[in-house]
C-alpha atoms as a PDB file:
ATOM      1  CA  MET A   1       0.070  -0.306  -0.018  1.00  0.00           C
ATOM      2  CA  SER A   2       1.356   3.481  -0.724  1.00  0.00           C
ATOM      3  CA  LEU A   3       1.539   6.337   1.589  1.00  0.00           C
ATOM      4  CA  LEU A   4      -1.182   8.031  -0.241  1.00  0.00           C
ATOM      5  CA  ASP A   5      -3.344   5.172  -0.433  1.00  0.00           C
ATOM      6  CA  LEU A   6      -2.743   4.732   3.709  1.00  0.00           C
ATOM      7  CA  ALA A   7      -3.392   8.211   3.885  1.00  0.00           C
ATOM      8  CA  SER A   8      -6.769   8.151   2.371  1.00  0.00           C
ATOM      9  CA  VAL A   9      -7.892   4.862   4.389  1.00  0.00           C
ATOM     10  CA  ARG A  10      -6.939   6.898   7.474  1.00  0.00           C
ATOM     11  CA  ALA A  11      -8.888   9.607   6.619  1.00  0.00           C
ATOM     12  CA  GLU A  12     -11.685   7.674   5.703  1.00  0.00           C
ATOM     13  CA  ARG A  13     -12.053   6.072   9.195  1.00  0.00           C
ATOM     14  CA  GLN A  14     -11.232   9.765  10.872  1.00  0.00           C
ATOM     15  CA  ALA A  15     -14.475  10.519   9.024  1.00  0.00           C
ATOM     16  CA  ALA A  16     -16.777   7.360  10.001  1.00  0.00           C
ATOM     17  CA  THR A  17     -15.338   7.712  13.930  1.00  0.00           C
ATOM     18  CA  ALA A  18     -16.196  11.930  13.987  1.00  0.00           C
ATOM     19  CA  GLN A  19     -19.007  12.618  15.959  1.00  0.00           C
ATOM     20  CA  PRO A  20     -21.572  14.964  14.166  1.00  0.00           C
ATOM     21  CA  ARG A  21     -20.957  18.621  14.817  1.00  0.00           C
ATOM     22  CA  LYS A  22     -22.831  19.727  17.846  1.00  0.00           C
ATOM     23  CA  ARG A  23     -25.814  22.532  16.892  1.00  0.00           C
ATOM     24  CA  LEU A  24     -25.257  25.850  17.671  1.00  0.00           C
ATOM     25  CA  ARG A  25     -28.018  26.833  20.531  1.00  0.00           C
ATOM     26  CA  TYR A  26     -29.838  29.558  17.738  1.00  0.00           C
ATOM     27  CA  GLU A  27     -29.954  26.452  15.388  1.00  0.00           C
ATOM     28  CA  GLU A  28     -31.567  24.343  18.318  1.00  0.00           C
ATOM     29  CA  MET A  29     -34.158  27.387  18.873  1.00  0.00           C
ATOM     30  CA  ILE A  30     -34.591  27.852  15.040  1.00  0.00           C
ATOM     31  CA  SER A  31     -35.812  24.016  15.476  1.00  0.00           C
ATOM     32  CA  PHE A  32     -37.985  25.006  18.438  1.00  0.00           C
ATOM     33  CA  ILE A  33     -39.826  27.565  16.328  1.00  0.00           C
ATOM     34  CA  GLU A  34     -40.472  25.297  13.479  1.00  0.00           C
ATOM     35  CA  ASN A  35     -41.675  23.067  16.021  1.00  0.00           C
ATOM     36  CA  LEU A  36     -43.833  25.522  17.570  1.00  0.00           C
ATOM     37  CA  VAL A  37     -45.267  26.042  14.259  1.00  0.00           C
ATOM     38  CA  ALA A  38     -46.095  22.410  13.015  1.00  0.00           C
ATOM     39  CA  ASP A  39     -47.939  21.690  16.737  1.00  0.00           C
ATOM     40  CA  GLY A  40     -50.217  24.608  16.523  1.00  0.00           C
ATOM     41  CA  ASN A  41     -51.031  24.612  13.048  1.00  0.00           C
ATOM     42  CA  LEU A  42     -49.710  28.303  12.357  1.00  0.00           C
ATOM     43  CA  ALA A  43     -50.480  29.291   8.736  1.00  0.00           C
ATOM     44  CA  PRO A  44     -48.928  32.057   7.200  1.00  0.00           C
ATOM     45  CA  GLY A  45     -49.701  35.607   8.153  1.00  0.00           C
ATOM     46  CA  ASP A  46     -50.064  34.211  12.047  1.00  0.00           C
ATOM     47  CA  LEU A  47     -48.334  36.081  14.713  1.00  0.00           C
ATOM     48  CA  LEU A  48     -45.793  34.385  16.831  1.00  0.00           C
ATOM     49  CA  PRO A  49     -45.482  34.649  20.376  1.00  0.00           C
ATOM     50  CA  THR A  50     -43.405  37.760  21.383  1.00  0.00           C
ATOM     51  CA  GLN A  51     -39.153  37.490  22.138  1.00  0.00           C
ATOM     52  CA  ALA A  52     -39.496  36.920  25.886  1.00  0.00           C
ATOM     53  CA  GLU A  53     -41.821  34.272  25.685  1.00  0.00           C
ATOM     54  CA  LEU A  54     -39.991  32.484  22.885  1.00  0.00           C
ATOM     55  CA  ALA A  55     -36.792  32.258  25.010  1.00  0.00           C
ATOM     56  CA  ASP A  56     -38.810  31.572  28.460  1.00  0.00           C
ATOM     57  CA  MET A  57     -40.947  28.487  26.441  1.00  0.00           C
ATOM     58  CA  ALA A  58     -36.931  27.633  25.345  1.00  0.00           C
ATOM     59  CA  GLY A  59     -35.303  28.408  28.356  1.00  0.00           C
ATOM     60  CA  VAL A  60     -32.690  30.504  26.211  1.00  0.00           C
ATOM     61  CA  SER A  61     -31.599  33.656  26.203  1.00  0.00           C
ATOM     62  CA  LEU A  62     -32.683  36.646  24.441  1.00  0.00           C
ATOM     63  CA  ILE A  63     -29.757  36.652  22.116  1.00  0.00           C
ATOM     64  CA  THR A  64     -30.444  33.166  21.035  1.00  0.00           C
ATOM     65  CA  VAL A  65     -34.160  34.198  20.166  1.00  0.00           C
ATOM     66  CA  ARG A  66     -32.859  37.383  17.914  1.00  0.00           C
ATOM     67  CA  ARG A  67     -30.292  35.206  16.096  1.00  0.00           C
ATOM     68  CA  ALA A  68     -32.842  32.903  15.583  1.00  0.00           C
ATOM     69  CA  LEU A  69     -35.711  34.629  14.438  1.00  0.00           C
ATOM     70  CA  GLU A  70     -32.538  36.857  12.185  1.00  0.00           C
ATOM     71  CA  GLU A  71     -31.866  33.874  10.282  1.00  0.00           C
ATOM     72  CA  LEU A  72     -35.423  32.561   9.693  1.00  0.00           C
ATOM     73  CA  GLU A  73     -36.451  36.209   8.541  1.00  0.00           C
ATOM     74  CA  ARG A  74     -32.940  35.990   6.113  1.00  0.00           C
ATOM     75  CA  ALA A  75     -34.691  33.027   4.803  1.00  0.00           C
ATOM     76  CA  GLY A  76     -37.982  34.569   3.901  1.00  0.00           C
ATOM     77  CA  ARG A  77     -39.858  32.208   6.454  1.00  0.00           C
ATOM     78  CA  VAL A  78     -40.955  35.072   8.531  1.00  0.00           C
ATOM     79  CA  ARG A  79     -41.447  38.890   8.691  1.00  0.00           C
ATOM     80  CA  ARG A  80     -40.668  41.205  11.882  1.00  0.00           C
ATOM     81  CA  HIS A  81     -42.839  44.383  12.469  1.00  0.00           C
ATOM     82  CA  GLN A  82     -40.786  46.691  14.717  1.00  0.00           C
ATOM     83  CA  GLY A  83     -43.462  47.583  17.570  1.00  0.00           C
ATOM     84  CA  VAL A  84     -46.107  44.459  16.271  1.00  0.00           C
ATOM     85  CA  GLY A  85     -44.171  41.720  16.468  1.00  0.00           C
ATOM     86  CA  THR A  86     -43.116  38.222  14.442  1.00  0.00           C
ATOM     87  CA  PHE A  87     -45.111  36.915  11.820  1.00  0.00           C
ATOM     88  CA  LEU A  88     -45.015  33.611   9.849  1.00  0.00           C
ATOM     89  CA  ALA A  89     -44.281  34.903   6.055  1.00  0.00           C
ATOM     90  CA  LYS A  90     -46.280  34.295   3.212  1.00  0.00           C
ATOM     91  CA  PRO A  91     -45.035  31.932   0.234  1.00  0.00           C
ATOM     92  CA  ARG A  92     -43.138  33.979  -2.044  1.00  0.00           C
ATOM     93  CA  ILE A  93     -44.359  35.874  -5.091  1.00  0.00           C
ATOM     94  CA  ILE A  94     -43.247  34.511  -8.328  1.00  0.00           C
ATOM     95  CA  SER A  95     -42.363  38.011 -10.883  1.00  0.00           C
ATOM     96  CA  GLU A  96     -41.513  36.862 -14.433  1.00  0.00           C
ATOM     97  CA  PRO A  97     -40.173  40.753 -15.236  1.00  0.00           C
ATOM     98  CA  GLY A  98     -39.367  40.143 -19.032  1.00  0.00           C
ATOM     99  CA  ARG A  99     -42.942  38.504 -19.664  1.00  0.00           C
ATOM    100  CA  SER A 100     -44.849  40.850 -21.857  1.00  0.00           C
ATOM    101  CA  GLY A 101     -48.236  42.320 -20.385  1.00  0.00           C
ATOM    102  CA  GLY A 102     -49.745  44.209 -17.425  1.00  0.00           C
ATOM    103  CA  LEU A 103     -48.676  43.181 -13.442  1.00  0.00           C
ATOM    104  CA  LEU A 104     -50.903  40.316 -13.508  1.00  0.00           C
ATOM    105  CA  SER A 105     -49.426  38.222 -16.097  1.00  0.00           C
ATOM    106  CA  THR A 106     -45.787  38.756 -14.781  1.00  0.00           C
ATOM    107  CA  LEU A 107     -47.040  37.655 -11.491  1.00  0.00           C
ATOM    108  CA  ARG A 108     -47.723  33.916 -10.479  1.00  0.00           C
ATOM    109  CA  GLN A 109     -48.699  32.713  -6.747  1.00  0.00           C
ATOM    110  CA  SER A 110     -49.370  29.215  -5.509  1.00  0.00           C
ATOM    111  CA  GLU A 111     -52.744  30.153  -5.388  1.00  0.00           C
ATOM    112  CA  GLU A 112     -55.592  28.738  -7.504  1.00  0.00           C
ATOM    113  CA  GLU A 113     -57.025  31.981  -7.922  1.00  0.00           C
ATOM    114  CA  PRO A 114     -54.897  35.011  -8.915  1.00  0.00           C
ATOM    115  CA  PRO A 115     -53.901  38.050  -6.878  1.00  0.00           C
ATOM    116  CA  ARG A 116     -55.944  40.850  -6.959  1.00  0.00           C
ATOM    117  CA  ILE A 117     -53.922  44.303  -8.664  1.00  0.00           C
ATOM    118  CA  GLY A 118     -54.552  47.949  -7.565  1.00  0.00           C
ATOM    119  CA  THR A 119     -52.568  50.969  -8.371  1.00  0.00           C
ATOM    120  CA  ARG A 120     -52.178  53.990  -6.770  1.00  0.00           C
ATOM    121  CA  LEU A 121     -50.533  56.841  -8.596  1.00  0.00           C
ATOM    122  CA  LEU A 122     -48.115  58.888  -6.431  1.00  0.00           C
ATOM    123  CA  LYS A 123     -46.430  61.315  -9.115  1.00  0.00           C
ATOM    124  CA  LEU A 124     -46.672  62.705 -12.499  1.00  0.00           C
ATOM    125  CA  VAL A 125     -44.025  65.186 -13.424  1.00  0.00           C
ATOM    126  CA  ARG A 126     -42.851  66.984 -16.653  1.00  0.00           C
ATOM    127  CA  GLY A 127     -38.728  67.681 -16.274  1.00  0.00           C
ATOM    128  CA  ALA A 128     -35.505  67.883 -17.778  1.00  0.00           C
ATOM    129  CA  PRO A 129     -33.847  64.337 -17.661  1.00  0.00           C
ATOM    130  CA  SER A 130     -30.341  63.318 -15.941  1.00  0.00           C
ATOM    131  CA  PRO A 131     -27.754  62.603 -18.551  1.00  0.00           C
ATOM    132  CA  ALA A 132     -28.062  58.888 -18.017  1.00  0.00           C
ATOM    133  CA  LEU A 133     -31.642  58.924 -18.781  1.00  0.00           C
ATOM    134  CA  ARG A 134     -31.163  61.080 -21.945  1.00  0.00           C
ATOM    135  CA  ASP A 135     -28.412  58.714 -23.083  1.00  0.00           C
ATOM    136  CA  ALA A 136     -30.841  55.447 -22.272  1.00  0.00           C
ATOM    137  CA  LEU A 137     -33.802  57.198 -24.119  1.00  0.00           C
ATOM    138  CA  ARG A 138     -31.771  58.847 -26.956  1.00  0.00           C
ATOM    139  CA  LEU A 139     -32.835  62.043 -26.305  1.00  0.00           C
ATOM    140  CA  GLY A 140     -31.863  65.617 -27.380  1.00  0.00           C
ATOM    141  CA  PRO A 141     -30.178  68.427 -24.414  1.00  0.00           C
ATOM    142  CA  ASP A 142     -34.053  70.172 -24.740  1.00  0.00           C
ATOM    143  CA  ASP A 143     -36.340  67.435 -24.667  1.00  0.00           C
ATOM    144  CA  LEU A 144     -38.330  67.131 -21.354  1.00  0.00           C
ATOM    145  CA  VAL A 145     -39.653  63.529 -19.776  1.00  0.00           C
ATOM    146  CA  TRP A 146     -42.233  62.480 -18.114  1.00  0.00           C
ATOM    147  CA  GLN A 147     -41.866  61.140 -14.782  1.00  0.00           C
ATOM    148  CA  ILE A 148     -44.776  58.599 -13.479  1.00  0.00           C
ATOM    149  CA  MET A 149     -44.644  57.178 -10.010  1.00  0.00           C
ATOM    150  CA  ARG A 150     -46.850  54.315  -8.789  1.00  0.00           C
ATOM    151  CA  GLN A 151     -47.446  52.004  -6.119  1.00  0.00           C
ATOM    152  CA  ARG A 152     -48.668  49.020  -6.919  1.00  0.00           C
ATOM    153  CA  LEU A 153     -50.841  46.631  -4.903  1.00  0.00           C
ATOM    154  CA  VAL A 154     -51.077  43.124  -4.683  1.00  0.00           C
ATOM    155  CA  ASP A 155     -54.162  42.044  -2.528  1.00  0.00           C
ATOM    156  CA  GLY A 156     -54.449  45.179  -1.416  1.00  0.00           C
ATOM    157  CA  GLU A 157     -51.171  45.741  -0.009  1.00  0.00           C
ATOM    158  CA  PRO A 158     -48.261  47.988  -1.339  1.00  0.00           C
ATOM    159  CA  LYS A 159     -45.945  45.640  -3.052  1.00  0.00           C
ATOM    160  CA  ILE A 160     -44.206  47.468  -5.744  1.00  0.00           C
ATOM    161  CA  LEU A 161     -42.910  50.750  -6.582  1.00  0.00           C
ATOM    162  CA  GLU A 162     -42.218  51.608 -10.082  1.00  0.00           C
ATOM    163  CA  THR A 163     -40.941  54.584 -11.750  1.00  0.00           C
ATOM    164  CA  ALA A 164     -41.790  55.388 -15.568  1.00  0.00           C
ATOM    165  CA  VAL A 165     -40.074  58.326 -17.748  1.00  0.00           C
ATOM    166  CA  ILE A 166     -41.215  58.545 -20.496  1.00  0.00           C
ATOM    167  CA  PRO A 167     -40.011  61.209 -23.388  1.00  0.00           C
ATOM    168  CA  VAL A 168     -42.828  64.172 -23.549  1.00  0.00           C
ATOM    169  CA  ALA A 169     -42.549  64.251 -27.724  1.00  0.00           C
ATOM    170  CA  LEU A 170     -43.667  60.561 -27.781  1.00  0.00           C
ATOM    171  CA  ALA A 171     -46.922  61.259 -25.777  1.00  0.00           C
ATOM    172  CA  PRO A 172     -47.284  64.723 -24.950  1.00  0.00           C
ATOM    173  CA  THR A 173     -50.835  64.569 -24.034  1.00  0.00           C
ATOM    174  CA  LEU A 174     -50.089  62.374 -20.910  1.00  0.00           C
ATOM    175  CA  ASP A 175     -51.131  64.626 -18.343  1.00  0.00           C
ATOM    176  CA  LEU A 176     -54.355  64.436 -19.529  1.00  0.00           C
ATOM    177  CA  HIS A 177     -55.310  60.878 -19.386  1.00  0.00           C
ATOM    178  CA  LYS A 178     -54.197  60.270 -15.378  1.00  0.00           C
ATOM    179  CA  GLU A 179     -57.066  58.468 -14.277  1.00  0.00           C
ATOM    180  CA  ALA A 180     -55.732  55.874 -16.889  1.00  0.00           C
ATOM    181  CA  LEU A 181     -52.565  55.720 -15.100  1.00  0.00           C
ATOM    182  CA  THR A 182     -54.349  53.527 -12.371  1.00  0.00           C
ATOM    183  CA  GLY A 183     -54.416  50.618 -14.956  1.00  0.00           C
ATOM    184  CA  SER A 184     -51.935  49.184 -17.437  1.00  0.00           C
ATOM    185  CA  LEU A 185     -49.266  51.984 -18.796  1.00  0.00           C
ATOM    186  CA  TYR A 186     -48.641  50.300 -21.490  1.00  0.00           C
ATOM    187  CA  GLN A 187     -52.075  49.218 -22.711  1.00  0.00           C
ATOM    188  CA  LEU A 188     -52.171  53.598 -22.737  1.00  0.00           C
ATOM    189  CA  LEU A 189     -49.260  54.153 -24.310  1.00  0.00           C
ATOM    190  CA  ALA A 190     -50.495  51.835 -27.200  1.00  0.00           C
ATOM    191  CA  ASP A 191     -53.867  52.720 -27.326  1.00  0.00           C
ATOM    192  CA  ARG A 192     -53.124  56.797 -27.329  1.00  0.00           C
ATOM    193  CA  TYR A 193     -49.491  57.099 -29.263  1.00  0.00           C
ATOM    194  CA  GLY A 194     -48.993  54.099 -30.590  1.00  0.00           C
ATOM    195  CA  LEU A 195     -46.260  52.970 -28.243  1.00  0.00           C
ATOM    196  CA  GLU A 196     -45.901  49.099 -28.107  1.00  0.00           C
ATOM    197  CA  ASP A 197     -43.146  47.410 -26.173  1.00  0.00           C
ATOM    198  CA  HIS A 198     -41.243  45.383 -28.870  1.00  0.00           C
ATOM    199  CA  ALA A 199     -38.054  44.707 -26.416  1.00  0.00           C
ATOM    200  CA  GLU A 200     -36.991  45.062 -23.063  1.00  0.00           C
ATOM    201  CA  GLU A 201     -33.494  44.928 -21.399  1.00  0.00           C
ATOM    202  CA  GLN A 202     -32.873  45.019 -17.959  1.00  0.00           C
ATOM    203  CA  TYR A 203     -30.720  44.995 -15.190  1.00  0.00           C
ATOM    204  CA  LEU A 204     -31.145  43.889 -11.701  1.00  0.00           C
ATOM    205  CA  GLU A 205     -29.420  44.266  -7.868  1.00  0.00           C
ATOM    206  CA  VAL A 206     -30.565  44.323  -4.305  1.00  0.00           C
ATOM    207  CA  SER A 207     -29.338  46.666  -2.493  1.00  0.00           C
ATOM    208  CA  ALA A 208     -31.042  48.535   1.330  1.00  0.00           C
ATOM    209  CA  ALA A 209     -34.309  50.197   0.945  1.00  0.00           C
ATOM    210  CA  ASP A 210     -33.713  54.051   1.383  1.00  0.00           C
ATOM    211  CA  ALA A 211     -37.214  55.646   3.695  1.00  0.00           C
ATOM    212  CA  ASP A 212     -39.181  56.432   1.125  1.00  0.00           C
ATOM    213  CA  GLU A 213     -39.069  52.679   0.009  1.00  0.00           C
ATOM    214  CA  ARG A 214     -39.729  51.514   3.392  1.00  0.00           C
ATOM    215  CA  ARG A 215     -42.739  53.908   3.710  1.00  0.00           C
ATOM    216  CA  LEU A 216     -43.856  52.987   0.716  1.00  0.00           C
ATOM    217  CA  LEU A 217     -43.699  49.423   0.926  1.00  0.00           C
ATOM    218  CA  ARG A 218     -44.496  49.178   4.556  1.00  0.00           C
ATOM    219  CA  LEU A 219     -40.812  47.257   5.090  1.00  0.00           C
ATOM    220  CA  PRO A 220     -39.185  46.742   8.759  1.00  0.00           C
ATOM    221  CA  ALA A 221     -35.808  48.895   9.019  1.00  0.00           C
ATOM    222  CA  ARG A 222     -32.382  47.420   7.357  1.00  0.00           C
ATOM    223  CA  SER A 223     -34.369  45.671   4.460  1.00  0.00           C
ATOM    224  CA  GLN A 224     -33.467  44.592   1.259  1.00  0.00           C
ATOM    225  CA  VAL A 225     -35.118  45.101  -1.351  1.00  0.00           C
ATOM    226  CA  VAL A 226     -34.604  44.180  -5.567  1.00  0.00           C
ATOM    227  CA  ARG A 227     -34.517  46.972  -7.563  1.00  0.00           C
ATOM    228  CA  LEU A 228     -34.911  46.288 -11.567  1.00  0.00           C
ATOM    229  CA  ARG A 229     -34.015  48.796 -13.849  1.00  0.00           C
ATOM    230  CA  GLY A 230     -35.010  48.438 -17.609  1.00  0.00           C
ATOM    231  CA  LEU A 231     -35.723  50.061 -21.021  1.00  0.00           C
ATOM    232  CA  SER A 232     -38.636  49.271 -23.557  1.00  0.00           C
ATOM    233  CA  VAL A 233     -38.129  49.848 -27.443  1.00  0.00           C
ATOM    234  CA  ASP A 234     -40.735  49.790 -29.986  1.00  0.00           C
ATOM    235  CA  ALA A 235     -41.118  47.672 -33.203  1.00  0.00           C
ATOM    236  CA  ASN A 236     -38.929  50.635 -34.832  1.00  0.00           C
ATOM    237  CA  ASP A 237     -36.159  50.534 -32.187  1.00  0.00           C
ATOM    238  CA  VAL A 238     -37.157  53.873 -30.550  1.00  0.00           C
ATOM    239  CA  PRO A 239     -36.505  53.707 -26.740  1.00  0.00           C
ATOM    240  CA  PHE A 240     -39.626  55.043 -24.817  1.00  0.00           C
ATOM    241  CA  ASP A 241     -39.957  53.827 -21.509  1.00  0.00           C
ATOM    242  CA  CYS A 242     -36.863  54.138 -18.958  1.00  0.00           C
ATOM    243  CA  PHE A 243     -38.512  52.063 -15.834  1.00  0.00           C
ATOM    244  CA  VAL A 244     -37.062  50.986 -12.164  1.00  0.00           C
ATOM    245  CA  GLN A 245     -39.016  48.789 -10.058  1.00  0.00           C
ATOM    246  CA  VAL A 246     -38.503  47.763  -6.597  1.00  0.00           C
ATOM    247  CA  TYR A 247     -39.567  44.860  -4.869  1.00  0.00           C
ATOM    248  CA  PRO A 248     -39.172  43.412  -1.172  1.00  0.00           C
ATOM    249  CA  ALA A 249     -36.537  40.608  -1.455  1.00  0.00           C
ATOM    250  CA  LEU A 250     -37.922  38.703   0.865  1.00  0.00           C
ATOM    251  CA  GLU A 251     -41.178  38.512  -0.429  1.00  0.00           C
ATOM    252  CA  PHE A 252     -40.715  37.637  -4.642  1.00  0.00           C
ATOM    253  CA  GLY A 253     -38.877  35.044  -6.137  1.00  0.00           C
ATOM    254  CA  PHE A 254     -37.849  35.836  -9.999  1.00  0.00           C
ATOM    255  CA  TYR A 255     -38.347  33.525 -12.989  1.00  0.00           C
ATOM    256  CA  ILE A 256     -35.984  34.873 -16.052  1.00  0.00           C
ATOM    257  CA  SER A 257     -35.912  32.662 -19.169  1.00  0.00           C
ATOM    258  CA  GLY A 258     -32.549  33.666 -21.319  1.00  0.00           C
ATOM    259  CA  ALA A 259     -32.682  35.495 -24.450  1.00  0.00           C
ATOM    260  CA  THR A 260     -29.744  37.134 -26.851  1.00  0.00           C
ATOM    261  CA  SER A 261     -29.199  40.496 -25.096  1.00  0.00           C
ATOM    262  CA  ARG A 262     -29.311  43.403 -27.534  1.00  0.00           C
ATOM    263  CA  GLU A 263     -27.534  45.916 -25.415  1.00  0.00           C
ATOM    264  CA  LEU A 264     -30.570  48.589 -25.401  1.00  0.00           C
ATOM    265  CA  LEU A 265     -29.231  49.713 -22.354  1.00  0.00           C
ATOM    266  CA  ARG A 266     -25.922  51.692 -22.752  1.00  0.00           C
ATOM    267  CA  GLY A 267     -23.516  53.018 -20.141  1.00  0.00           C
ATOM    268  CA  PRO A 268     -23.719  52.654 -16.390  1.00  0.00           C
ATOM    269  CA  VAL A 269     -27.180  51.529 -15.090  1.00  0.00           C
ATOM    270  CA  THR A 270     -26.901  52.283 -11.746  1.00  0.00           C
ATOM    271  CA  GLU A 271     -25.981  55.949 -12.202  1.00  0.00           C
ATOM    272  CA  GLY A 272     -29.171  57.995 -11.634  1.00  0.00           C
ATOM    273  CA  TRP A 273     -32.387  58.129 -13.331  1.00  0.00           C
ATOM    274  CA  ASP A 274     -33.446  61.288 -12.244  1.00  0.00           C
ATOM    275  CA  VAL A 275     -36.079  63.587 -13.321  1.00  0.00           C
ATOM    276  CA  THR A 276     -35.555  67.855 -12.595  1.00  0.00           C
ATOM    277  CA  PRO A 277     -39.399  68.959 -12.777  1.00  0.00           C
ATOM    278  CA  GLU A 278     -40.170  71.640 -14.586  1.00  0.00           C
ATOM    279  CA  PRO A 279     -40.967  75.082 -13.184  1.00  0.00           C
ATOM    280  CA  VAL A 280     -45.163  75.118 -13.137  1.00  0.00           C
ATOM    281  CA  ALA A 281     -45.010  78.374 -15.175  1.00  0.00           C
ATOM    282  CA  GLN A 282     -43.858  76.440 -17.961  1.00  0.00           C
ATOM    283  CA  HIS A 283     -46.206  73.698 -18.514  1.00  0.00           C
ATOM    284  CA  ARG A 284     -49.814  75.492 -17.757  1.00  0.00           C
ATOM    285  CA  ALA A 285     -52.859  73.031 -19.190  1.00  0.00           C
ATOM    286  CA  GLY A 286     -53.407  73.816 -22.694  1.00  0.00           C
ATOM    287  CA  GLU A 287     -49.611  74.798 -23.208  1.00  0.00           C
ATOM    288  CA  ARG A 288     -48.755  71.760 -25.943  1.00  0.00           C
ATOM    289  CA  PRO A 289     -44.946  72.538 -27.802  1.00  0.00           C
ATOM    290  CA  ARG A 290     -45.203  70.441 -31.398  1.00  0.00           C
ATOM    291  CA  ALA A 291     -44.286  67.096 -30.777  1.00  0.00           C
ATOM    292  CA  ARG A 292     -40.974  65.904 -32.444  1.00  0.00           C
ATOM    293  CA  ARG A 293     -39.265  62.225 -32.412  1.00  0.00           C
ATOM    294  CA  PRO A 294     -36.468  62.267 -29.558  1.00  0.00           C
ATOM    295  CA  GLY A 295     -32.867  63.191 -31.035  1.00  0.00           C
ATOM    296  CA  THR A 296     -34.577  65.185 -33.935  1.00  0.00           C
ATOM    297  CA  PRO A 297     -33.305  68.430 -34.066  1.00  0.00           C
ATOM    298  CA  ALA A 298     -35.438  71.608 -33.634  1.00  0.00           C
ATOM    299  CA  GLY A 299     -36.764  72.688 -36.383  1.00  0.00           C
ATOM    300  CA  GLY A 300     -35.620  69.353 -38.331  1.00  0.00           C
ATOM    301  CA  ALA A 301     -38.420  67.203 -40.223  1.00  0.00           C
END
């Protein structure tokens, strides 16, 4: 037997006789909570005992309970709300962001009955795009854009924040259709302005939620969100929508099918996609400048 073979045999013997790793206290606490849920027939949305009650029931410290709940929350199995308590999490909503159609067609849930979708219009302003937006939408230095911010509701709960930026030249009277912005934006763009989504590219990242996102999505402190930036073009390869969608990271899963990239998103997509609102005095009802295609010089065809 060679020295290599002898070493292998010794390693196998040591592995066979090795004792299994002793579980840490917080891991035992996780098992305790799982058994508590099973024995109590608790369902998603049910409130768990308080941290103090769990510590007393399991005979462990509050530190151990907090660590166990942190791990369960990180795994998406519980939701903790400051001042309220800890709840069993509902199954993740599966989103297919690359799928065409309205929000309902891009969401998949385990329930047989489809979710109820609602929309709140938070803001509609006209203004000057940031350099990154101007580049993505291929706009000229004087071109203006609409910025539309909406809160999307799933079964009555705020779940997604959406911001869309659309060239004013392509949808000059968009502010006259505010009531329609509580429905499908893409249906409105197609029906009123002939803008139909022919291709998209998207960039997805996970980051900490800011204060506004936590407030509008009712998220606890230190929550993570999935931030999806995208660009839509029509059949003539004209970009007409830069959009950002924000999802609570622990409540959504994403299904993405492969496709050949067309490199529609040019330059860094993590730079600010900001809009500087136009002074109200320059945007009064009834003022309608002659629309031109984005990037066409003033006075051009």
